[in-house]
């Protein structure tokens, strides 16, 4: 689909592909992992051919998610550095949520809320990888003391729940901000959308 003449490219094609690969990895890793979180959620294992296959596939789904996110993060981290303007934005985040954006510091490519989410997601990813490796059987778990294996299992579960909550919040905000879903599926936003939500980025893209 060709983008309209009054639009601006928000997410290039390659960024959108990586984003949806991350999302796919998250769903697969999340569902296969939840199968072992509590007996009441073990039914998720049926999606992957049973408990054995869920246990085998879960780490590989997690690695897929981590690698894709690392690739994406390496490309966009510079746009997510928090500055003084972002601190002022965060101080008025309640007004933004209420739809009152007058007097709110102008956002660049990403607003302060998106930047905070990015760094929290990155921290979760960096924590999930080593904790997951420690209790990954049959490859690595036998290399570590059983106490560390048990602690890593607990931390991995807690961090995973935190990641799930962050992603739920991310999806909610994308739906709440009309036009965001289209930006990540078709790649473009209208100039009016850019002026309203990311005015500093809009001027940068149109000057």
N, C-alpha and C. Protein backbone atom coordinates (compact mmCIF):
# COMPACT_ATOMS: atom_id res chain seq x y z
N UNK A 1 0.85 -1.20 0.00
CA UNK A 1 0.00 0.00 0.00
C UNK A 1 0.88 1.24 0.00
N UNK A 2 0.62 2.17 -0.96
CA UNK A 2 1.38 3.40 -1.04
C UNK A 2 0.92 4.36 0.04
N UNK A 3 1.88 5.05 0.66
CA UNK A 3 1.50 5.98 1.71
C UNK A 3 0.96 7.27 1.10
N UNK A 4 0.02 7.93 1.80
CA UNK A 4 -0.56 9.18 1.29
C UNK A 4 0.49 10.27 1.15
N UNK A 5 0.16 11.26 0.34
CA UNK A 5 1.11 12.35 0.07
C UNK A 5 1.39 13.19 1.30
N UNK A 6 0.43 13.28 2.23
CA UNK A 6 0.61 14.12 3.41
C UNK A 6 1.14 13.34 4.61
N UNK A 7 1.83 12.25 4.34
CA UNK A 7 2.30 11.39 5.43
C UNK A 7 3.81 11.47 5.59
N UNK A 8 4.30 10.92 6.71
CA UNK A 8 5.72 10.85 7.02
C UNK A 8 6.04 9.42 7.42
N UNK A 9 7.16 8.92 6.96
CA UNK A 9 7.58 7.57 7.35
C UNK A 9 7.96 7.57 8.82
N UNK A 10 7.30 6.73 9.57
CA UNK A 10 7.56 6.61 11.01
C UNK A 10 8.48 5.43 11.32
N UNK A 11 8.19 4.29 10.70
CA UNK A 11 8.98 3.08 10.94
C UNK A 11 9.32 2.45 9.59
N UNK A 12 10.59 2.43 9.20
CA UNK A 12 10.97 1.78 7.94
C UNK A 12 10.61 0.30 7.95
N UNK A 13 10.57 -0.28 6.76
CA UNK A 13 10.13 -1.67 6.61
C UNK A 13 10.95 -2.62 7.48
N UNK A 14 12.29 -2.47 7.47
CA UNK A 14 13.12 -3.41 8.22
C UNK A 14 12.86 -3.31 9.72
N UNK A 15 12.57 -2.11 10.23
CA UNK A 15 12.25 -1.95 11.64
C UNK A 15 10.94 -2.63 11.99
N UNK A 16 9.97 -2.54 11.09
CA UNK A 16 8.68 -3.17 11.34
C UNK A 16 8.82 -4.70 11.36
N UNK A 17 9.62 -5.23 10.46
CA UNK A 17 9.83 -6.67 10.43
C UNK A 17 10.45 -7.15 11.74
N UNK A 18 11.48 -6.46 12.20
CA UNK A 18 12.14 -6.85 13.45
C UNK A 18 11.18 -6.71 14.63
N UNK A 19 10.40 -5.63 14.64
CA UNK A 19 9.43 -5.43 15.72
C UNK A 19 8.47 -6.60 15.82
N UNK A 20 7.94 -7.05 14.69
CA UNK A 20 6.96 -8.13 14.73
C UNK A 20 7.61 -9.48 14.99
N UNK A 21 8.89 -9.62 14.66
CA UNK A 21 9.61 -10.83 15.05
C UNK A 21 9.81 -10.87 16.56
N UNK A 22 10.09 -9.69 17.15
CA UNK A 22 10.18 -9.61 18.61
C UNK A 22 8.84 -9.99 19.23
N UNK A 23 7.77 -9.45 18.67
CA UNK A 23 6.43 -9.74 19.19
C UNK A 23 6.12 -11.23 19.08
N UNK A 24 6.49 -11.84 17.96
CA UNK A 24 6.26 -13.28 17.78
C UNK A 24 7.06 -14.08 18.81
N UNK A 25 8.31 -13.72 18.98
CA UNK A 25 9.13 -14.40 19.98
C UNK A 25 8.58 -14.24 21.37
N UNK A 26 8.07 -13.05 21.67
CA UNK A 26 7.48 -12.80 22.99
C UNK A 26 6.27 -13.69 23.23
N UNK A 27 5.39 -13.78 22.26
CA UNK A 27 4.18 -14.59 22.41
C UNK A 27 4.54 -16.06 22.59
N UNK A 28 5.45 -16.55 21.76
CA UNK A 28 5.82 -17.96 21.83
C UNK A 28 6.55 -18.29 23.13
N UNK A 29 7.49 -17.42 23.50
CA UNK A 29 8.22 -17.64 24.76
C UNK A 29 7.30 -17.47 25.96
N UNK A 30 6.40 -16.49 25.88
CA UNK A 30 5.49 -16.25 26.98
C UNK A 30 4.54 -17.39 27.23
N UNK A 31 3.91 -17.89 26.16
CA UNK A 31 2.95 -18.98 26.33
C UNK A 31 3.63 -20.28 26.75
N UNK A 32 4.78 -20.57 26.15
CA UNK A 32 5.48 -21.80 26.52
C UNK A 32 6.04 -21.71 27.94
N UNK A 33 6.41 -20.51 28.37
CA UNK A 33 6.90 -20.34 29.73
C UNK A 33 5.79 -20.36 30.76
N UNK A 34 4.66 -19.75 30.42
CA UNK A 34 3.52 -19.77 31.35
C UNK A 34 3.02 -21.18 31.61
N UNK A 35 3.28 -22.08 30.69
CA UNK A 35 2.86 -23.47 30.88
C UNK A 35 3.47 -24.08 32.13
N UNK A 36 4.64 -23.54 32.54
CA UNK A 36 5.33 -24.08 33.71
C UNK A 36 5.28 -23.14 34.91
N UNK A 37 4.57 -22.03 34.75
CA UNK A 37 4.51 -21.06 35.84
C UNK A 37 3.62 -21.55 36.98
N UNK A 38 2.52 -22.23 36.64
CA UNK A 38 1.57 -22.72 37.64
C UNK A 38 0.80 -23.88 37.01
N UNK A 39 0.42 -24.88 37.82
CA UNK A 39 -0.34 -26.00 37.25
C UNK A 39 -1.59 -25.57 36.49
N UNK A 40 -2.22 -24.46 36.93
CA UNK A 40 -3.44 -24.00 36.26
C UNK A 40 -3.18 -23.49 34.85
N UNK A 41 -1.90 -23.16 34.53
CA UNK A 41 -1.58 -22.65 33.19
C UNK A 41 -0.86 -23.69 32.34
N UNK A 42 -0.79 -24.91 32.83
CA UNK A 42 -0.07 -25.95 32.08
C UNK A 42 -0.74 -26.26 30.75
N UNK A 43 -2.01 -25.92 30.61
CA UNK A 43 -2.71 -26.22 29.36
C UNK A 43 -2.08 -25.51 28.16
N UNK A 44 -1.31 -24.43 28.42
CA UNK A 44 -0.63 -23.75 27.31
C UNK A 44 0.35 -24.68 26.61
N UNK A 45 0.83 -25.70 27.32
CA UNK A 45 1.78 -26.63 26.71
C UNK A 45 1.17 -27.38 25.53
N UNK A 46 -0.16 -27.50 25.52
CA UNK A 46 -0.82 -28.19 24.41
C UNK A 46 -0.58 -27.48 23.08
N UNK A 47 -0.30 -26.18 23.14
CA UNK A 47 -0.04 -25.42 21.92
C UNK A 47 1.26 -25.83 21.25
N UNK A 48 2.14 -26.46 22.02
CA UNK A 48 3.46 -26.80 21.50
C UNK A 48 3.73 -28.31 21.48
N UNK A 49 2.68 -29.09 21.64
CA UNK A 49 2.84 -30.52 21.56
C UNK A 49 3.07 -31.21 22.88
N UNK A 50 2.77 -30.52 23.98
CA UNK A 50 2.91 -31.14 25.29
C UNK A 50 4.02 -30.53 26.12
N UNK A 51 4.14 -31.01 27.36
CA UNK A 51 5.10 -30.45 28.29
C UNK A 51 6.54 -30.58 27.85
N UNK A 52 6.91 -31.74 27.30
CA UNK A 52 8.30 -31.96 26.89
C UNK A 52 8.72 -31.00 25.79
N UNK A 53 7.88 -30.86 24.78
CA UNK A 53 8.21 -29.95 23.68
C UNK A 53 8.18 -28.50 24.13
N UNK A 54 7.29 -28.16 25.03
CA UNK A 54 7.26 -26.78 25.56
C UNK A 54 8.57 -26.46 26.26
N UNK A 55 9.06 -27.42 27.06
CA UNK A 55 10.32 -27.22 27.79
C UNK A 55 11.49 -27.11 26.83
N UNK A 56 11.48 -27.90 25.76
CA UNK A 56 12.57 -27.85 24.79
C UNK A 56 12.57 -26.55 24.00
N UNK A 57 11.37 -26.13 23.56
CA UNK A 57 11.27 -24.98 22.66
C UNK A 57 11.37 -23.63 23.36
N UNK A 58 10.93 -23.57 24.62
CA UNK A 58 10.88 -22.28 25.31
C UNK A 58 12.20 -21.51 25.28
N UNK A 59 13.34 -22.12 25.60
CA UNK A 59 14.60 -21.36 25.56
C UNK A 59 14.94 -20.82 24.18
N UNK A 60 14.61 -21.57 23.15
CA UNK A 60 14.92 -21.12 21.79
C UNK A 60 14.01 -19.96 21.38
N UNK A 61 12.75 -20.00 21.81
CA UNK A 61 11.86 -18.86 21.58
C UNK A 61 12.41 -17.62 22.29
N UNK A 62 12.90 -17.83 23.52
CA UNK A 62 13.47 -16.73 24.28
C UNK A 62 14.70 -16.15 23.60
N UNK A 63 15.56 -17.02 23.08
CA UNK A 63 16.74 -16.54 22.36
C UNK A 63 16.36 -15.76 21.11
N UNK A 64 15.36 -16.23 20.41
CA UNK A 64 14.87 -15.52 19.22
C UNK A 64 14.43 -14.11 19.61
N UNK A 65 13.65 -14.00 20.67
CA UNK A 65 13.19 -12.70 21.12
C UNK A 65 14.35 -11.80 21.51
N UNK A 66 15.31 -12.37 22.25
CA UNK A 66 16.45 -11.58 22.72
C UNK A 66 17.30 -11.06 21.56
N UNK A 67 17.61 -11.93 20.61
CA UNK A 67 18.46 -11.53 19.49
C UNK A 67 17.79 -10.44 18.66
N UNK A 68 16.51 -10.60 18.39
CA UNK A 68 15.78 -9.60 17.61
C UNK A 68 15.72 -8.27 18.36
N UNK A 69 15.47 -8.33 19.67
CA UNK A 69 15.40 -7.10 20.45
C UNK A 69 16.77 -6.42 20.51
N UNK A 70 17.84 -7.22 20.64
CA UNK A 70 19.18 -6.65 20.69
C UNK A 70 19.49 -5.92 19.38
N UNK A 71 19.10 -6.52 18.26
CA UNK A 71 19.31 -5.89 16.95
C UNK A 71 18.55 -4.57 16.87
N UNK A 72 17.31 -4.58 17.32
CA UNK A 72 16.48 -3.37 17.28
C UNK A 72 17.02 -2.31 18.23
N UNK A 73 17.40 -2.73 19.44
CA UNK A 73 17.90 -1.79 20.44
C UNK A 73 19.18 -1.10 19.98
N UNK A 74 20.05 -1.85 19.30
CA UNK A 74 21.30 -1.27 18.81
C UNK A 74 21.04 -0.15 17.80
N UNK A 75 19.91 -0.23 17.14
CA UNK A 75 19.58 0.77 16.12
C UNK A 75 18.91 2.01 16.70
N UNK A 76 18.11 1.84 17.76
CA UNK A 76 17.28 2.96 18.22
C UNK A 76 17.67 3.50 19.59
N UNK A 77 18.67 2.96 20.25
CA UNK A 77 18.94 3.38 21.63
C UNK A 77 19.29 4.87 21.72
N UNK A 78 19.94 5.39 20.69
CA UNK A 78 20.33 6.80 20.73
C UNK A 78 19.10 7.72 20.78
N UNK A 79 18.02 7.29 20.18
CA UNK A 79 16.79 8.08 20.21
C UNK A 79 16.07 7.98 21.55
N UNK A 80 16.54 7.09 22.43
CA UNK A 80 15.87 6.85 23.69
C UNK A 80 16.64 7.36 24.91
N UNK A 81 17.66 8.16 24.67
CA UNK A 81 18.40 8.76 25.78
C UNK A 81 17.52 9.82 26.44
N UNK A 82 17.36 9.71 27.74
CA UNK A 82 16.49 10.63 28.49
C UNK A 82 17.24 11.94 28.75
N UNK A 83 16.62 13.08 28.41
CA UNK A 83 17.22 14.38 28.65
C UNK A 83 16.34 15.20 29.59
N UNK A 84 16.71 16.45 29.81
CA UNK A 84 15.97 17.31 30.75
C UNK A 84 14.53 17.54 30.31
N UNK A 85 14.33 17.66 29.02
CA UNK A 85 12.98 17.84 28.49
C UNK A 85 12.10 16.64 28.82
N UNK A 86 12.71 15.46 28.77
CA UNK A 86 11.96 14.24 29.10
C UNK A 86 11.58 14.20 30.58
N UNK A 87 12.47 14.69 31.43
CA UNK A 87 12.17 14.71 32.86
C UNK A 87 10.97 15.62 33.14
N UNK A 88 10.91 16.74 32.43
CA UNK A 88 9.76 17.64 32.58
C UNK A 88 8.49 16.96 32.06
N UNK A 89 8.61 16.21 30.97
CA UNK A 89 7.48 15.49 30.40
C UNK A 89 6.95 14.47 31.41
N UNK A 90 7.85 13.74 32.04
CA UNK A 90 7.45 12.73 33.01
C UNK A 90 6.75 13.35 34.21
N UNK A 91 7.18 14.54 34.59
CA UNK A 91 6.55 15.23 35.71
C UNK A 91 5.11 15.60 35.42
N UNK A 92 4.79 15.71 34.13
CA UNK A 92 3.43 16.05 33.72
C UNK A 92 2.74 14.90 33.00
N UNK A 93 3.20 13.68 33.26
CA UNK A 93 2.64 12.51 32.57
C UNK A 93 1.15 12.35 32.84
N UNK A 94 0.70 12.73 34.03
CA UNK A 94 -0.72 12.63 34.35
C UNK A 94 -1.57 13.47 33.44
N UNK A 95 -1.08 14.67 33.10
CA UNK A 95 -1.82 15.53 32.18
C UNK A 95 -1.87 14.94 30.78
N UNK A 96 -0.78 14.31 30.37
CA UNK A 96 -0.76 13.66 29.06
C UNK A 96 -1.79 12.54 29.02
N UNK A 97 -1.84 11.72 30.08
CA UNK A 97 -2.80 10.63 30.13
C UNK A 97 -4.23 11.14 30.11
N UNK A 98 -4.44 12.34 30.65
CA UNK A 98 -5.78 12.92 30.67
C UNK A 98 -6.12 13.64 29.37
N UNK A 99 -5.17 13.65 28.42
CA UNK A 99 -5.42 14.27 27.12
C UNK A 99 -5.15 15.76 27.10
N UNK A 100 -4.55 16.28 28.17
CA UNK A 100 -4.23 17.73 28.21
C UNK A 100 -2.75 17.89 27.90
N UNK A 101 -2.44 18.18 26.65
CA UNK A 101 -1.04 18.24 26.22
C UNK A 101 -0.52 19.67 26.06
N UNK A 102 -1.34 20.67 26.39
CA UNK A 102 -0.87 22.05 26.33
C UNK A 102 0.17 22.28 27.42
N UNK A 103 1.30 22.86 27.05
CA UNK A 103 2.35 23.12 28.02
C UNK A 103 3.26 21.94 28.29
N UNK A 104 3.00 20.80 27.63
CA UNK A 104 3.85 19.63 27.79
C UNK A 104 5.10 19.81 26.92
N UNK A 105 6.30 19.54 27.46
CA UNK A 105 7.51 19.65 26.64
C UNK A 105 7.39 18.84 25.35
N UNK A 106 7.89 19.40 24.27
CA UNK A 106 7.77 18.75 22.98
C UNK A 106 8.56 17.44 22.94
N UNK A 107 7.95 16.43 22.35
CA UNK A 107 8.60 15.12 22.22
C UNK A 107 9.34 15.03 20.90
N UNK A 108 10.48 14.34 20.93
CA UNK A 108 11.22 14.07 19.71
C UNK A 108 10.69 12.79 19.06
N UNK A 109 11.57 11.98 18.54
CA UNK A 109 11.12 10.74 17.88
C UNK A 109 10.32 9.87 18.85
N UNK A 110 10.77 9.83 20.11
CA UNK A 110 10.03 9.10 21.14
C UNK A 110 9.80 10.02 22.33
N UNK A 111 8.63 9.91 22.96
CA UNK A 111 8.39 10.71 24.15
C UNK A 111 9.01 10.03 25.36
N UNK A 112 8.96 10.71 26.50
CA UNK A 112 9.65 10.20 27.69
C UNK A 112 9.07 8.87 28.16
N UNK A 113 7.77 8.70 28.04
CA UNK A 113 7.16 7.44 28.43
C UNK A 113 7.68 6.28 27.60
N UNK A 114 7.81 6.50 26.30
CA UNK A 114 8.32 5.47 25.40
C UNK A 114 9.78 5.16 25.71
N UNK A 115 10.53 6.19 26.08
CA UNK A 115 11.95 5.98 26.41
C UNK A 115 12.10 5.15 27.69
N UNK A 116 11.31 5.47 28.70
CA UNK A 116 11.36 4.70 29.94
C UNK A 116 10.98 3.24 29.67
N UNK A 117 9.95 3.05 28.87
CA UNK A 117 9.54 1.68 28.52
C UNK A 117 10.67 0.95 27.81
N UNK A 118 11.35 1.61 26.89
CA UNK A 118 12.46 0.98 26.16
C UNK A 118 13.53 0.48 27.12
N UNK A 119 13.94 1.32 28.07
CA UNK A 119 15.01 0.92 28.98
C UNK A 119 14.55 -0.17 29.94
N UNK A 120 13.30 -0.15 30.35
CA UNK A 120 12.79 -1.22 31.20
C UNK A 120 12.74 -2.55 30.45
N UNK A 121 12.31 -2.50 29.19
CA UNK A 121 12.30 -3.71 28.37
C UNK A 121 13.71 -4.25 28.18
N UNK A 122 14.65 -3.34 27.95
CA UNK A 122 16.04 -3.76 27.76
C UNK A 122 16.58 -4.42 29.03
N UNK A 123 16.29 -3.84 30.18
CA UNK A 123 16.74 -4.43 31.44
C UNK A 123 16.15 -5.82 31.64
N UNK A 124 14.87 -5.96 31.32
CA UNK A 124 14.23 -7.28 31.44
C UNK A 124 14.91 -8.29 30.54
N UNK A 125 15.18 -7.90 29.31
CA UNK A 125 15.84 -8.81 28.36
C UNK A 125 17.22 -9.22 28.87
N UNK A 126 17.98 -8.25 29.37
CA UNK A 126 19.32 -8.53 29.85
C UNK A 126 19.31 -9.41 31.09
N UNK A 127 18.23 -9.34 31.86
CA UNK A 127 18.12 -10.19 33.06
C UNK A 127 17.59 -11.57 32.72
N UNK A 128 16.69 -11.65 31.75
CA UNK A 128 16.11 -12.95 31.39
C UNK A 128 17.15 -13.89 30.76
N UNK A 129 18.06 -13.33 29.98
CA UNK A 129 19.03 -14.18 29.29
C UNK A 129 19.91 -14.97 30.26
N UNK A 130 20.66 -14.32 31.18
CA UNK A 130 21.53 -15.10 32.07
C UNK A 130 20.77 -15.99 33.04
N UNK A 131 19.64 -15.50 33.56
CA UNK A 131 18.88 -16.35 34.49
C UNK A 131 18.32 -17.57 33.78
N UNK A 132 17.93 -17.41 32.53
CA UNK A 132 17.41 -18.54 31.78
C UNK A 132 18.50 -19.55 31.45
N UNK A 133 19.69 -19.06 31.13
CA UNK A 133 20.79 -19.96 30.80
C UNK A 133 21.18 -20.82 31.99
N UNK A 134 21.15 -20.25 33.19
CA UNK A 134 21.58 -20.97 34.39
C UNK A 134 20.77 -22.24 34.61
N UNK A 135 19.45 -22.22 34.33
CA UNK A 135 18.66 -23.43 34.57
C UNK A 135 18.19 -24.10 33.27
N UNK A 136 18.90 -23.83 32.17
CA UNK A 136 18.58 -24.45 30.88
C UNK A 136 19.14 -25.87 30.84
N UNK A 137 18.25 -26.81 30.95
CA UNK A 137 18.64 -28.23 30.87
C UNK A 137 18.37 -28.73 29.46
N UNK A 138 19.25 -29.60 28.96
CA UNK A 138 20.36 -30.28 29.64
C UNK A 138 21.70 -29.61 29.40
N UNK A 139 21.73 -28.37 28.88
CA UNK A 139 22.98 -27.79 28.41
C UNK A 139 23.82 -27.11 29.50
N UNK A 140 23.18 -26.34 30.39
CA UNK A 140 23.97 -25.51 31.29
C UNK A 140 23.68 -25.72 32.78
N UNK A 141 22.51 -26.21 33.12
CA UNK A 141 22.10 -26.27 34.52
C UNK A 141 23.08 -27.05 35.40
N UNK A 142 23.67 -28.10 34.86
CA UNK A 142 24.59 -28.93 35.66
C UNK A 142 25.91 -28.23 35.95
N UNK A 143 26.15 -27.10 35.30
CA UNK A 143 27.40 -26.36 35.52
C UNK A 143 27.33 -25.45 36.75
N UNK A 144 26.12 -25.27 37.31
CA UNK A 144 25.94 -24.32 38.40
C UNK A 144 25.43 -25.02 39.66
N UNK A 145 25.72 -24.42 40.84
CA UNK A 145 25.20 -25.00 42.10
C UNK A 145 23.67 -25.00 42.10
N UNK A 146 23.08 -25.98 42.73
CA UNK A 146 21.63 -26.12 42.71
C UNK A 146 20.94 -24.90 43.31
N UNK A 147 21.57 -24.28 44.31
CA UNK A 147 20.98 -23.08 44.91
C UNK A 147 20.87 -21.94 43.91
N UNK A 148 21.92 -21.78 43.09
CA UNK A 148 21.90 -20.73 42.07
C UNK A 148 20.87 -21.05 41.00
N UNK A 149 20.74 -22.33 40.66
CA UNK A 149 19.74 -22.74 39.67
C UNK A 149 18.34 -22.39 40.16
N UNK A 150 18.06 -22.69 41.42
CA UNK A 150 16.73 -22.40 41.97
C UNK A 150 16.49 -20.89 42.04
N UNK A 151 17.50 -20.13 42.46
CA UNK A 151 17.35 -18.67 42.53
C UNK A 151 17.12 -18.09 41.14
N UNK A 152 17.86 -18.58 40.16
CA UNK A 152 17.70 -18.09 38.79
C UNK A 152 16.31 -18.41 38.25
N UNK A 153 15.80 -19.59 38.60
CA UNK A 153 14.44 -19.96 38.16
C UNK A 153 13.41 -19.00 38.72
N UNK A 154 13.55 -18.66 40.00
CA UNK A 154 12.62 -17.72 40.63
C UNK A 154 12.73 -16.33 40.00
N UNK A 155 13.96 -15.83 39.86
CA UNK A 155 14.16 -14.50 39.29
C UNK A 155 13.65 -14.45 37.85
N UNK A 156 13.92 -15.49 37.10
CA UNK A 156 13.47 -15.54 35.71
C UNK A 156 11.95 -15.43 35.63
N UNK A 157 11.27 -16.12 36.52
CA UNK A 157 9.80 -16.09 36.52
C UNK A 157 9.27 -14.71 36.87
N UNK A 158 9.85 -14.10 37.90
CA UNK A 158 9.40 -12.78 38.34
C UNK A 158 9.64 -11.74 37.26
N UNK A 159 10.83 -11.77 36.65
CA UNK A 159 11.17 -10.81 35.60
C UNK A 159 10.28 -11.02 34.38
N UNK A 160 9.98 -12.27 34.07
CA UNK A 160 9.10 -12.56 32.94
C UNK A 160 7.71 -11.97 33.15
N UNK A 161 7.19 -12.08 34.36
CA UNK A 161 5.88 -11.48 34.66
C UNK A 161 5.97 -9.96 34.50
N UNK A 162 7.07 -9.37 34.96
CA UNK A 162 7.25 -7.93 34.77
C UNK A 162 7.27 -7.55 33.31
N UNK A 163 7.94 -8.37 32.49
CA UNK A 163 8.00 -8.11 31.05
C UNK A 163 6.61 -8.20 30.42
N UNK A 164 5.85 -9.19 30.84
CA UNK A 164 4.48 -9.35 30.32
C UNK A 164 3.64 -8.12 30.64
N UNK A 165 3.75 -7.62 31.86
CA UNK A 165 2.99 -6.44 32.26
C UNK A 165 3.41 -5.22 31.45
N UNK A 166 4.72 -5.07 31.21
CA UNK A 166 5.21 -3.95 30.41
C UNK A 166 4.67 -4.02 28.98
N UNK A 167 4.65 -5.20 28.41
CA UNK A 167 4.16 -5.35 27.04
C UNK A 167 2.66 -5.08 26.98
N UNK A 168 1.92 -5.52 27.99
CA UNK A 168 0.49 -5.21 28.03
C UNK A 168 0.28 -3.71 28.05
N UNK A 169 1.08 -3.01 28.85
CA UNK A 169 1.00 -1.54 28.88
C UNK A 169 1.37 -0.94 27.54
N UNK A 170 2.37 -1.48 26.90
CA UNK A 170 2.80 -0.99 25.59
C UNK A 170 1.68 -1.15 24.56
N UNK A 171 1.04 -2.30 24.55
CA UNK A 171 -0.05 -2.55 23.60
C UNK A 171 -1.22 -1.61 23.88
N UNK A 172 -1.53 -1.43 25.17
CA UNK A 172 -2.64 -0.55 25.53
C UNK A 172 -2.38 0.88 25.04
N UNK A 173 -1.18 1.39 25.26
CA UNK A 173 -0.87 2.76 24.85
C UNK A 173 -0.87 2.89 23.33
N UNK A 174 -0.43 1.83 22.63
CA UNK A 174 -0.44 1.88 21.17
C UNK A 174 -1.87 1.97 20.64
N UNK A 175 -2.78 1.24 21.29
CA UNK A 175 -4.20 1.30 20.90
C UNK A 175 -4.80 2.63 21.29
N UNK A 176 -4.44 3.12 22.48
CA UNK A 176 -4.99 4.38 23.01
C UNK A 176 -4.58 5.57 22.14
N UNK A 177 -3.34 5.56 21.62
CA UNK A 177 -2.87 6.64 20.76
C UNK A 177 -3.20 6.30 19.31
N UNK A 178 -4.32 6.80 18.86
CA UNK A 178 -4.82 6.47 17.52
C UNK A 178 -3.77 6.79 16.46
N UNK A 179 -3.52 5.84 15.58
CA UNK A 179 -2.54 6.02 14.52
C UNK A 179 -1.25 5.27 14.77
N UNK A 180 -1.02 4.84 16.03
CA UNK A 180 0.23 4.15 16.35
C UNK A 180 0.29 2.75 15.75
N UNK A 181 -0.84 2.04 15.77
CA UNK A 181 -0.86 0.69 15.20
C UNK A 181 -0.58 0.75 13.71
N UNK A 182 -1.20 1.70 13.03
CA UNK A 182 -0.97 1.84 11.59
C UNK A 182 0.50 2.15 11.31
N UNK A 183 1.12 2.95 12.18
CA UNK A 183 2.52 3.30 11.99
C UNK A 183 3.41 2.06 12.01
N UNK A 184 3.07 1.07 12.86
CA UNK A 184 3.89 -0.12 12.96
C UNK A 184 3.46 -1.23 12.00
N UNK A 185 2.33 -1.07 11.35
CA UNK A 185 1.91 -2.06 10.35
C UNK A 185 2.15 -1.56 8.93
N UNK A 186 1.92 -0.26 8.70
CA UNK A 186 2.09 0.30 7.36
C UNK A 186 3.29 1.23 7.25
N UNK A 187 3.80 1.67 8.41
CA UNK A 187 5.05 2.44 8.41
C UNK A 187 4.92 3.94 8.41
N UNK A 188 3.72 4.49 8.22
CA UNK A 188 3.60 5.93 8.09
C UNK A 188 2.59 6.52 9.06
N UNK A 189 2.74 7.82 9.29
CA UNK A 189 1.78 8.60 10.08
C UNK A 189 1.45 9.86 9.30
N UNK A 190 0.33 10.46 9.63
CA UNK A 190 -0.02 11.72 8.98
C UNK A 190 0.82 12.84 9.58
N UNK A 191 0.94 13.92 8.85
CA UNK A 191 1.67 15.08 9.37
C UNK A 191 0.98 15.65 10.60
N UNK A 192 -0.35 15.60 10.60
CA UNK A 192 -1.09 16.10 11.76
C UNK A 192 -0.77 15.26 13.00
N UNK A 193 -0.69 13.95 12.84
CA UNK A 193 -0.33 13.05 13.95
C UNK A 193 1.05 13.39 14.49
N UNK A 194 2.00 13.57 13.57
CA UNK A 194 3.38 13.88 13.98
C UNK A 194 3.46 15.22 14.70
N UNK A 195 2.75 16.24 14.19
CA UNK A 195 2.76 17.56 14.84
C UNK A 195 2.18 17.48 16.23
N UNK A 196 1.13 16.68 16.41
CA UNK A 196 0.45 16.61 17.70
C UNK A 196 1.24 15.83 18.74
N UNK A 197 1.76 14.67 18.36
CA UNK A 197 2.38 13.78 19.34
C UNK A 197 3.90 13.89 19.43
N UNK A 198 4.56 14.28 18.35
CA UNK A 198 6.03 14.36 18.34
C UNK A 198 6.48 15.59 17.55
N UNK A 199 6.13 16.79 18.04
CA UNK A 199 6.40 18.01 17.26
C UNK A 199 7.87 18.26 16.96
N UNK A 200 8.77 17.95 17.90
CA UNK A 200 10.19 18.16 17.64
C UNK A 200 10.67 17.23 16.53
N UNK A 201 10.20 16.00 16.55
CA UNK A 201 10.56 15.03 15.49
C UNK A 201 9.95 15.47 14.16
N UNK A 202 8.73 16.01 14.19
CA UNK A 202 8.08 16.48 12.97
C UNK A 202 8.90 17.57 12.30
N UNK A 203 9.38 18.54 13.09
CA UNK A 203 10.18 19.61 12.50
C UNK A 203 11.48 19.06 11.91
N UNK A 204 12.06 18.09 12.60
CA UNK A 204 13.29 17.49 12.11
C UNK A 204 13.07 16.77 10.77
N UNK A 205 11.92 16.13 10.63
CA UNK A 205 11.65 15.36 9.43
C UNK A 205 11.20 16.23 8.25
N UNK A 206 10.72 17.43 8.51
CA UNK A 206 10.15 18.25 7.44
C UNK A 206 10.95 19.50 7.13
N UNK A 207 12.00 19.78 7.90
CA UNK A 207 12.74 21.00 7.60
C UNK A 207 13.57 20.86 6.33
